[in-house]
N, C-alpha and C. Protein backbone atom coordinates (compact mmCIF):
# COMPACT_ATOMS: atom_id res chain seq x y z
N MET A 1 13.74 -30.34 -10.59
CA MET A 1 14.04 -29.79 -9.65
C MET A 1 14.00 -28.17 -10.33
N LYS A 2 15.04 -28.01 -11.33
CA LYS A 2 14.89 -26.80 -11.78
C LYS A 2 13.39 -25.92 -12.19
N PHE A 3 12.43 -27.15 -12.42
CA PHE A 3 11.43 -26.48 -12.63
C PHE A 3 10.47 -25.74 -11.51
N LEU A 4 10.74 -26.64 -10.57
CA LEU A 4 10.08 -26.12 -8.99
C LEU A 4 10.97 -25.03 -8.79
N GLY A 5 12.07 -24.84 -8.83
CA GLY A 5 12.63 -23.35 -8.62
C GLY A 5 12.17 -22.24 -9.51
N PHE A 6 11.93 -22.45 -10.77
CA PHE A 6 11.31 -21.73 -11.77
C PHE A 6 10.11 -21.53 -11.32
N LEU A 7 9.22 -22.13 -10.75
CA LEU A 7 7.79 -22.00 -10.51
C LEU A 7 7.91 -21.19 -8.90
N LEU A 8 8.96 -21.43 -7.98
CA LEU A 8 8.90 -20.57 -6.77
C LEU A 8 9.46 -19.07 -6.96
N PHE A 9 10.44 -19.04 -8.00
CA PHE A 9 10.60 -17.79 -8.31
C PHE A 9 9.36 -16.79 -8.68
N VAL A 10 8.87 -17.60 -9.93
CA VAL A 10 7.86 -16.79 -10.43
C VAL A 10 6.69 -16.21 -9.50
N PHE A 11 6.45 -17.37 -8.47
CA PHE A 11 5.70 -17.05 -7.31
C PHE A 11 5.75 -16.04 -6.75
N ILE A 12 7.11 -15.89 -6.12
CA ILE A 12 7.48 -14.96 -5.30
C ILE A 12 7.59 -13.32 -6.06
N PHE A 13 8.00 -13.42 -7.42
CA PHE A 13 7.81 -12.28 -8.19
C PHE A 13 6.61 -11.92 -8.28
N LEU A 14 5.59 -12.70 -8.64
CA LEU A 14 4.35 -11.82 -8.82
C LEU A 14 3.68 -11.65 -7.55
N MET A 15 4.35 -12.30 -6.08
CA MET A 15 3.64 -11.93 -4.92
C MET A 15 4.05 -10.33 -4.56
N ALA A 16 5.28 -10.14 -4.63
CA ALA A 16 6.26 -9.01 -4.74
C ALA A 16 5.45 -7.90 -5.65
N PHE A 17 5.27 -8.15 -6.87
CA PHE A 17 4.74 -7.18 -7.82
C PHE A 17 3.14 -6.68 -7.41
N TRP A 18 2.18 -7.88 -6.93
CA TRP A 18 1.03 -7.43 -6.42
C TRP A 18 1.00 -6.55 -5.29
N CYS A 19 1.95 -6.96 -4.27
CA CYS A 19 2.20 -6.04 -2.98
C CYS A 19 2.76 -4.51 -3.44
N LEU A 20 3.46 -4.53 -4.38
CA LEU A 20 3.77 -2.86 -4.64
C LEU A 20 2.76 -2.56 -5.25
N ILE A 21 2.03 -2.83 -6.32
CA ILE A 21 0.68 -2.39 -6.58
C ILE A 21 -0.22 -2.07 -5.39
N PHE A 22 -0.45 -2.91 -4.81
CA PHE A 22 -1.43 -2.75 -3.36
C PHE A 22 -0.75 -1.61 -2.46
N LEU A 23 0.36 -1.45 -2.03
CA LEU A 23 1.26 -0.30 -1.73
C LEU A 23 0.82 0.72 -2.38
N ALA A 24 1.25 0.84 -3.57
CA ALA A 24 1.08 2.38 -4.64
C ALA A 24 -0.28 2.81 -4.79
N SER A 25 -1.28 1.63 -4.15
CA SER A 25 -2.63 2.03 -4.33
C SER A 25 -3.26 2.14 -3.03
N THR A 26 -2.86 1.92 -2.01
CA THR A 26 -3.54 2.15 -0.64
C THR A 26 -2.76 3.20 0.14
N VAL A 27 -1.34 3.39 -0.02
CA VAL A 27 -0.51 4.25 0.72
C VAL A 27 -0.89 5.91 0.61
N PRO A 28 -1.34 6.60 -0.66
CA PRO A 28 -1.46 7.54 -1.35
C PRO A 28 -2.88 7.91 -0.73
N TYR A 29 -3.84 7.00 -0.43
CA TYR A 29 -5.11 7.05 -0.26
C TYR A 29 -5.12 7.41 1.46
N PHE A 30 -4.26 6.72 2.26
CA PHE A 30 -4.26 6.62 3.44
C PHE A 30 -3.73 8.11 3.85
N ILE A 31 -2.58 8.35 3.28
CA ILE A 31 -2.10 9.57 3.23
C ILE A 31 -3.09 10.97 3.15
N PHE A 32 -3.86 10.88 2.31
CA PHE A 32 -4.86 11.85 1.94
C PHE A 32 -6.02 11.72 3.27
N VAL A 33 -6.21 10.61 3.27
CA VAL A 33 -7.34 10.56 4.80
C VAL A 33 -6.62 11.24 5.88
N TRP A 34 -5.60 10.96 6.35
CA TRP A 34 -4.83 11.24 7.41
C TRP A 34 -4.79 12.99 7.42
N LEU A 35 -4.59 13.58 6.10
CA LEU A 35 -4.25 14.80 5.68
C LEU A 35 -5.63 15.50 6.17
N LYS A 36 -6.92 14.79 5.33
CA LYS A 36 -8.13 15.57 5.88
C LYS A 36 -8.59 15.41 7.12
N GLU A 37 -8.59 14.22 7.62
CA GLU A 37 -8.92 14.45 9.38
C GLU A 37 -7.91 15.27 9.89
N GLY A 38 -6.87 15.54 9.64
CA GLY A 38 -5.87 16.35 10.71
C GLY A 38 -6.43 17.90 10.11
N LYS A 39 -7.21 18.01 9.02
CA LYS A 39 -7.40 19.12 8.69
C LYS A 39 -9.12 19.53 9.65
N LEU A 40 -9.76 18.36 9.87
CA LEU A 40 -10.97 18.51 10.33
C LEU A 40 -10.76 18.76 11.69
N GLU A 41 -10.16 17.90 12.38
CA GLU A 41 -9.50 18.16 13.40
C GLU A 41 -9.22 19.56 13.82
N ASN A 42 -8.08 20.29 13.13
CA ASN A 42 -7.64 21.60 13.10
C ASN A 42 -9.13 22.42 13.34
N ASP A 43 -10.00 22.24 12.37
CA ASP A 43 -10.77 23.17 12.56
C ASP A 43 -12.01 22.99 13.35
N GLN A 44 -11.99 21.75 13.81
CA GLN A 44 -12.94 21.84 15.23
C GLN A 44 -12.57 22.51 16.62
N ILE A 45 -11.35 22.67 16.46
CA ILE A 45 -10.70 23.26 18.01
C ILE A 45 -11.47 24.44 18.18
N PRO A 46 -11.94 24.71 18.70
CA PRO A 46 -13.03 25.91 19.57
C PRO A 46 -11.78 27.22 19.73
N LYS A 47 -11.98 28.34 19.54
CA LYS A 47 -11.34 29.46 19.40
C LYS A 47 -11.71 30.22 20.94
């Protein structure tokens, strides 16, 4: 039973670890795209 709890703990830990890596790699990219799109929209506004 201890071994099963250990496996569950390792699985949850690894899932959280990969989730952090995924967020750390995608969030800055989405922020960059959002800023780029915002600048494009500002440039396209007719004067």
